[in-house]
Amino acid sequence: MAIQITIIGLGQIGGSIGLALAGQKAALKRVGHDKKVDVERAAQSKGAVDEVKHNLPSAVRDADLVLLCLPVSQVRETLEFIAPDLKEGAVVMETSPVKSGVFEWAQSILPPKRYFVGLVPSVNPDALHEIKFGLEAARADLFQKGVMIIDAPRGTPGEVVQLASDLARLLGSDPMLTDPVESDGLMARMHLLPQLTAAALLNATVDQPGWMEARKMGGRAFATVTAGLAYQDEIDSLRIASMQNRASVVYALDVMIAALQGMRNDLESGNDDGIAIRLEQALEGRNDWMNDRLKAEWATGIERKPIDIPSFAERFFGSAFYKREQDQ
């Protein structure tokens, strides 16, 4: 019996998951759903899903695993819409960059014996400078050489957590188990702060005195930094994610403001050596990070064993978890 995986949201993340699992058609049935019919058709044409179901209840009714690959602004309403049609034992996994608030939604919305796990994927370093977005940016190797954060609410069966780890490895990522507080702290610094910094730079320049002439001189540096806002979360999702994670985001902003204040003070006082040290340390830090990111040797010394589909299927059809659900 094939596992039905329903992917809701067929953009870059959802489309890439579907493409990465395309070689497992004998064991996995990939059902796709998107709010836009043309995206559903394109995803099926691209081979990211085996079939599409535009009726959302129908798309999840027989699903063993539901993947929500949506902006955080759409997660709550989607959970509310699919909850009545999830079968017992179904697992819902969700890929937005913040988890604490999303976990609260899931716990209050999902019926008993439906399980929820948070995933936060990182992308293949080869895709770091990709400016395409949506399904057009989907690629089968998007998660290879990456790390996937796995957050599970307290009390989640171990088999469900293992299922998430197996899925991460099937996609080419190294699973990293965390809790929502740790995960949200990491994403505040590495995902939300760059976007908020880009917004602050734009607020400090666009339509400010001299902008009419300055805009003509905007070059690579300005375009690169502000791209963090243009090619990431939709604005409403960025707002919601920042508010849900505001303690971590405020801390990250405080550290950023302190760094800017230190640079400003060195400039005001004419501290040439201080500025030189700050710039040299920053460039060295970026180079070290980029080299590490490209190598992706995070799991040095840990043997990466391939995941075979039969063992993955046992999480549903042969494991003590599945049998326990069937006996209840």
Protein backbone atom coordinates (compact mmCIF):
# COMPACT_ATOMS: atom_id res chain seq x y z
CA MET A 1 0.00 0.00 0.00
CA ALA A 2 1.40 3.39 -1.01
CA ILE A 3 1.74 6.22 1.48
CA GLN A 4 -0.27 9.27 0.44
CA ILE A 5 1.62 12.49 0.98
CA THR A 6 -0.47 15.59 0.39
CA ILE A 7 1.53 18.74 -0.27
CA ILE A 8 -0.43 21.93 0.36
CA GLY A 9 1.30 24.90 -1.23
CA LEU A 10 3.20 24.18 -4.44
CA GLY A 11 5.75 26.97 -4.39
CA GLN A 12 9.48 26.54 -4.09
CA ILE A 13 9.38 24.45 -0.90
CA GLY A 14 6.37 22.30 -1.71
CA GLY A 15 7.38 21.84 -5.34
CA SER A 16 10.92 20.89 -4.36
CA ILE A 17 9.71 18.31 -1.84
CA GLY A 18 7.54 16.77 -4.52
CA LEU A 19 10.39 16.70 -7.03
CA ALA A 20 12.79 15.19 -4.49
CA LEU A 21 10.32 12.33 -3.89
CA ALA A 22 9.58 11.76 -7.56
CA GLY A 23 11.69 8.59 -7.69
CA GLN A 24 9.56 6.86 -5.07
CA LYS A 25 6.29 6.57 -6.99
CA ALA A 26 5.88 2.87 -6.19
CA ALA A 27 5.73 3.57 -2.45
CA LEU A 28 4.56 7.18 -2.26
CA LYS A 29 1.53 8.82 -3.81
CA ARG A 30 2.08 12.58 -4.08
CA VAL A 31 -1.11 14.62 -4.07
CA GLY A 32 -0.80 18.36 -4.58
CA HIS A 33 -3.00 21.32 -3.70
CA ASP A 34 -2.54 25.03 -4.25
CA LYS A 35 -4.90 27.98 -4.04
CA LYS A 36 -4.08 28.73 -7.68
CA VAL A 37 -5.29 26.22 -10.25
CA ASP A 38 -2.60 27.23 -12.74
CA VAL A 39 0.09 26.45 -10.16
CA GLU A 40 -1.44 23.03 -9.54
CA ARG A 41 -1.37 22.28 -13.26
CA ALA A 42 2.19 23.52 -13.60
CA ALA A 43 3.32 21.40 -10.64
CA GLN A 44 1.81 18.27 -12.12
CA SER A 45 3.29 19.06 -15.52
CA LYS A 46 6.70 19.55 -13.91
CA GLY A 47 6.46 16.18 -12.17
CA ALA A 48 6.28 17.56 -8.63
CA VAL A 49 3.04 15.68 -7.87
CA ASP A 50 1.27 12.63 -9.21
CA GLU A 51 -2.16 14.25 -9.11
CA VAL A 52 -3.78 17.44 -7.90
CA LYS A 53 -6.96 17.94 -5.93
CA HIS A 54 -8.23 21.49 -5.81
CA ASN A 55 -10.88 20.54 -3.27
CA LEU A 56 -8.89 20.79 -0.04
CA PRO A 57 -10.93 18.35 2.11
CA SER A 58 -10.64 15.77 -0.66
CA ALA A 59 -6.90 16.38 -0.90
CA VAL A 60 -6.28 15.51 2.77
CA ARG A 61 -9.01 12.94 3.48
CA ASP A 62 -6.87 9.89 2.64
CA ALA A 63 -3.51 11.45 3.45
CA ASP A 64 -1.09 9.70 5.80
CA LEU A 65 1.20 12.71 5.78
CA VAL A 66 0.16 16.31 5.09
CA LEU A 67 2.87 18.87 4.37
CA LEU A 68 1.91 22.52 4.81
CA CYS A 69 4.35 24.48 2.66
CA LEU A 70 2.65 27.82 3.11
CA PRO A 71 3.36 31.38 4.21
CA VAL A 72 2.73 31.60 7.94
CA SER A 73 -0.15 33.98 7.21
CA GLN A 74 -2.07 31.05 5.66
CA VAL A 75 -1.24 28.33 8.16
CA ARG A 76 -3.95 28.87 10.79
CA GLU A 77 -6.86 29.07 8.37
CA THR A 78 -5.57 26.00 6.52
CA LEU A 79 -5.33 23.98 9.74
CA GLU A 80 -8.88 24.99 10.61
CA PHE A 81 -10.10 23.97 7.16
CA ILE A 82 -8.41 20.55 6.99
CA ALA A 83 -8.82 19.46 10.63
CA PRO A 84 -12.27 17.82 10.25
CA ASP A 85 -11.08 15.67 7.34
CA LEU A 86 -7.79 14.35 8.72
CA LYS A 87 -7.96 10.64 9.43
CA GLU A 88 -6.78 9.15 12.72
CA GLY A 89 -3.02 8.74 12.83
CA ALA A 90 -2.40 11.36 10.15
CA VAL A 91 0.74 13.43 10.59
CA VAL A 92 0.83 17.11 9.67
CA MET A 93 4.20 18.75 9.07
CA GLU A 94 4.62 22.48 8.49
CA THR A 95 7.57 24.43 7.07
CA SER A 96 7.22 28.09 8.15
CA PRO A 97 10.23 29.78 9.87
CA VAL A 98 8.55 30.27 13.28
CA LYS A 99 7.10 27.55 15.44
CA SER A 100 5.92 28.58 18.92
CA GLY A 101 2.77 30.35 17.73
CA VAL A 102 2.08 27.74 15.05
CA PHE A 103 2.30 24.97 17.68
CA GLU A 104 -0.35 26.76 19.73
CA TRP A 105 -2.63 26.86 16.69
CA ALA A 106 -2.09 23.17 15.96
CA GLN A 107 -2.72 22.09 19.53
CA SER A 108 -5.98 24.03 19.70
CA ILE A 109 -7.25 23.06 16.23
CA LEU A 110 -6.22 19.49 15.42
CA PRO A 111 -8.41 16.65 16.76
CA PRO A 112 -6.92 13.95 19.02
CA LYS A 113 -4.71 11.31 17.41
CA ARG A 114 -3.55 13.66 14.68
CA TYR A 115 0.09 14.59 15.07
CA PHE A 116 1.94 17.79 14.29
CA VAL A 117 5.64 18.35 13.63
CA GLY A 118 7.41 21.56 12.64
CA LEU A 119 10.08 21.54 9.95
CA VAL A 120 12.45 24.39 9.09
CA PRO A 121 14.48 23.53 5.99
CA SER A 122 17.66 25.21 4.84
CA VAL A 123 18.45 25.28 1.14
CA ASN A 124 21.25 23.82 -0.90
CA PRO A 125 24.14 26.33 -0.87
CA ASP A 126 24.03 26.26 -4.67
CA ALA A 127 20.65 28.03 -4.39
CA LEU A 128 21.74 30.80 -2.00
CA HIS A 129 21.87 33.43 -4.71
CA GLU A 130 18.80 32.24 -6.60
CA ILE A 131 16.40 35.12 -7.25
CA LYS A 132 13.56 33.09 -8.71
CA PHE A 133 10.69 32.27 -6.42
CA GLY A 134 7.58 30.13 -6.31
CA LEU A 135 7.27 26.93 -8.31
CA GLU A 136 9.70 28.30 -10.88
CA ALA A 137 12.44 28.05 -8.24
CA ALA A 138 11.58 24.46 -7.23
CA ARG A 139 14.34 21.92 -7.75
CA ALA A 140 14.79 18.31 -6.69
CA ASP A 141 18.10 19.03 -4.94
CA LEU A 142 16.94 22.13 -3.05
CA PHE A 143 17.46 20.53 0.38
CA GLN A 144 20.64 18.60 -0.35
CA LYS A 145 23.72 19.62 1.65
CA GLY A 146 21.32 21.35 4.05
CA VAL A 147 20.08 21.00 7.62
CA MET A 148 16.42 20.57 8.50
CA ILE A 149 15.25 21.65 11.94
CA ILE A 150 12.66 19.31 13.44
CA ASP A 151 10.41 20.56 16.25
CA ALA A 152 7.85 18.28 17.84
CA PRO A 153 5.45 19.19 20.66
CA ARG A 154 6.02 17.44 23.96
CA GLY A 155 4.34 14.05 24.00
CA THR A 156 4.73 13.41 20.26
CA PRO A 157 5.31 9.67 19.69
CA GLY A 158 8.91 8.80 18.90
CA GLU A 159 7.84 7.13 15.67
CA VAL A 160 6.44 10.44 14.43
CA VAL A 161 9.69 12.26 15.22
CA GLN A 162 11.62 9.49 13.47
CA LEU A 163 9.32 9.84 10.48
CA ALA A 164 10.24 13.52 10.25
CA SER A 165 13.95 12.67 10.51
CA ASP A 166 13.60 10.04 7.79
CA LEU A 167 11.81 12.52 5.53
CA ALA A 168 14.59 15.07 6.04
CA ARG A 169 17.16 12.50 5.02
CA LEU A 170 15.09 11.41 2.02
CA LEU A 171 15.20 15.04 0.88
CA GLY A 172 18.99 15.15 1.30
CA SER A 173 19.13 17.11 4.57
CA ASP A 174 20.66 16.36 7.95
CA PRO A 175 17.91 16.42 10.61
CA MET A 176 18.51 18.64 13.64
CA LEU A 177 16.17 18.14 16.59
CA THR A 178 15.39 21.29 18.55
CA ASP A 179 12.60 22.77 20.62
CA PRO A 180 10.48 25.72 19.43
CA VAL A 181 12.29 28.28 21.60
CA GLU A 182 15.69 27.31 20.22
CA SER A 183 14.38 27.08 16.68
CA ASP A 184 12.69 30.47 16.86
CA GLY A 185 15.85 32.03 18.29
CA LEU A 186 17.92 30.69 15.40
CA MET A 187 15.44 31.87 12.80
CA ALA A 188 15.12 35.31 14.39
CA ARG A 189 18.81 35.89 13.70
CA MET A 190 19.26 34.10 10.41
CA HIS A 191 15.91 34.56 8.65
CA LEU A 192 13.91 37.43 10.11
CA LEU A 193 16.70 39.86 11.06
CA PRO A 194 18.09 40.11 7.47
CA GLN A 195 14.62 40.92 6.15
CA LEU A 196 13.91 43.49 8.87
CA THR A 197 17.36 45.02 8.28
CA ALA A 198 16.52 45.33 4.59
CA ALA A 199 13.24 47.01 5.51
CA ALA A 200 15.05 49.42 7.84
CA LEU A 201 17.55 50.33 5.12
CA LEU A 202 14.73 51.02 2.68
CA ASN A 203 12.86 53.10 5.27
CA ALA A 204 16.05 55.07 5.89
CA THR A 205 16.66 55.84 2.20
CA VAL A 206 13.56 55.68 0.01
CA ASP A 207 11.75 59.03 -0.11
CA GLN A 208 14.22 60.56 2.32
CA PRO A 209 15.95 63.88 1.50
CA GLY A 210 18.12 63.41 -1.60
CA TRP A 211 16.37 60.21 -2.67
CA MET A 212 15.36 61.53 -6.11
CA GLU A 213 19.01 61.78 -7.07
CA ALA A 214 20.37 58.97 -4.88
CA ARG A 215 18.07 56.36 -6.43
CA LYS A 216 19.86 56.83 -9.75
CA MET A 217 23.09 55.60 -8.15
CA GLY A 218 21.74 52.49 -6.42
CA GLY A 219 24.12 49.67 -7.22
CA ARG A 220 24.94 46.09 -6.33
CA ALA A 221 25.39 46.72 -2.61
CA PHE A 222 21.98 48.38 -2.25
CA ALA A 223 20.25 45.81 -4.46
CA THR A 224 21.85 42.88 -2.63
CA VAL A 225 20.99 44.03 0.87
CA THR A 226 17.42 45.04 0.05
CA ALA A 227 16.85 41.77 -1.84
CA GLY A 228 16.39 40.18 1.58
CA LEU A 229 12.96 41.80 1.68
CA ALA A 230 12.06 41.23 -1.96
CA TYR A 231 12.78 37.50 -2.29
CA GLN A 232 11.79 36.10 1.09
CA ASP A 233 8.54 36.03 3.04
CA GLU A 234 5.49 37.89 1.83
CA ILE A 235 5.06 41.06 3.86
CA ASP A 236 2.09 39.86 5.89
CA SER A 237 3.89 36.64 6.80
CA LEU A 238 7.01 38.59 7.80
CA ARG A 239 4.88 40.73 10.09
CA ILE A 240 3.15 37.74 11.68
CA ALA A 241 6.38 35.79 12.08
CA SER A 242 8.12 38.77 13.69
CA MET A 243 5.25 39.40 16.10
CA GLN A 244 4.94 35.73 17.05
CA ASN A 245 8.67 35.58 17.70
CA ARG A 246 9.04 39.09 19.06
CA ALA A 247 11.20 38.32 22.12
CA SER A 248 13.87 36.69 19.96
CA VAL A 249 13.50 39.30 17.24
CA VAL A 250 13.80 42.20 19.69
CA TYR A 251 16.98 40.65 21.10
CA ALA A 252 18.40 40.19 17.58
CA LEU A 253 17.54 43.81 16.71
CA ASP A 254 19.18 45.04 19.94
CA VAL A 255 22.41 43.25 19.02
CA MET A 256 22.23 44.70 15.51
CA ILE A 257 21.59 48.21 16.84
CA ALA A 258 24.55 47.87 19.23
CA ALA A 259 26.80 46.87 16.33
CA LEU A 260 25.64 49.88 14.29
CA GLN A 261 26.05 52.17 17.30
CA GLY A 262 29.62 50.98 17.82
CA MET A 263 30.43 51.66 14.18
CA ARG A 264 28.79 55.06 14.36
CA ASN A 265 30.77 55.98 17.47
CA ASP A 266 34.06 54.98 15.86
CA LEU A 267 33.25 57.06 12.81
CA GLU A 268 32.21 60.08 14.84
CA SER A 269 35.38 59.96 16.94
CA GLY A 270 37.62 59.37 13.93
CA ASN A 271 38.74 55.97 15.20
CA ASP A 272 40.24 54.67 11.97
CA ASP A 273 41.71 51.58 13.60
CA GLY A 274 38.38 50.72 15.20
CA ILE A 275 36.55 50.93 11.88
CA ALA A 276 39.25 48.85 10.18
CA ILE A 277 38.94 46.13 12.82
CA ARG A 278 35.17 46.04 12.57
CA LEU A 279 35.21 45.77 8.78
CA GLU A 280 37.99 43.19 8.70
CA GLN A 281 36.28 41.04 11.32
CA ALA A 282 32.99 41.26 9.44
CA LEU A 283 34.51 40.22 6.12
CA GLU A 284 36.51 37.42 7.71
CA GLY A 285 33.36 36.18 9.45
CA ARG A 286 31.39 36.18 6.23
CA ASN A 287 34.11 34.36 4.33
CA ASP A 288 34.37 31.70 7.05
CA TRP A 289 30.60 31.27 7.09
CA MET A 290 30.32 31.05 3.31
CA ASN A 291 33.13 28.47 3.10
CA ASP A 292 31.46 26.37 5.79
CA ARG A 293 28.06 26.72 4.15
CA LEU A 294 29.38 25.64 0.75
CA LYS A 295 31.20 22.64 2.22
CA ALA A 296 28.16 21.69 4.33
CA GLU A 297 30.24 19.36 6.48
CA TRP A 298 28.06 19.86 9.52
CA ALA A 299 27.84 16.16 10.28
CA THR A 300 31.58 15.44 10.21
CA GLY A 301 32.24 12.06 11.76
CA ILE A 302 28.59 10.98 11.48
CA GLU A 303 27.83 8.27 8.96
CA ARG A 304 25.05 9.26 6.60
CA LYS A 305 23.05 6.11 5.98
CA PRO A 306 20.61 6.20 3.08
CA ILE A 307 16.91 5.91 3.87
CA ASP A 308 15.16 3.08 2.12
CA ILE A 309 11.49 3.51 1.36
CA PRO A 310 10.36 0.27 3.08
CA SER A 311 11.67 1.50 6.43
CA PHE A 312 10.05 4.88 5.81
CA ALA A 313 6.74 3.16 5.02
CA GLU A 314 6.93 1.16 8.23
CA ARG A 315 6.44 4.38 10.17
CA PHE A 316 2.85 4.11 8.96
CA PHE A 317 2.18 0.54 7.94
CA GLY A 318 4.52 -1.72 9.91
CA SER A 319 5.50 0.09 13.06
CA ALA A 320 4.21 -0.26 16.58
CA PHE A 321 2.89 3.30 16.18
CA TYR A 322 0.63 2.38 13.28
CA LYS A 323 -0.52 -0.86 14.87
CA ARG A 324 -1.33 0.96 18.08
CA GLU A 325 -3.45 3.47 16.14
CA GLN A 326 -5.26 0.65 14.32
CA ASP A 327 -6.02 -1.23 17.53
CA GLN A 328 -7.52 1.78 19.30
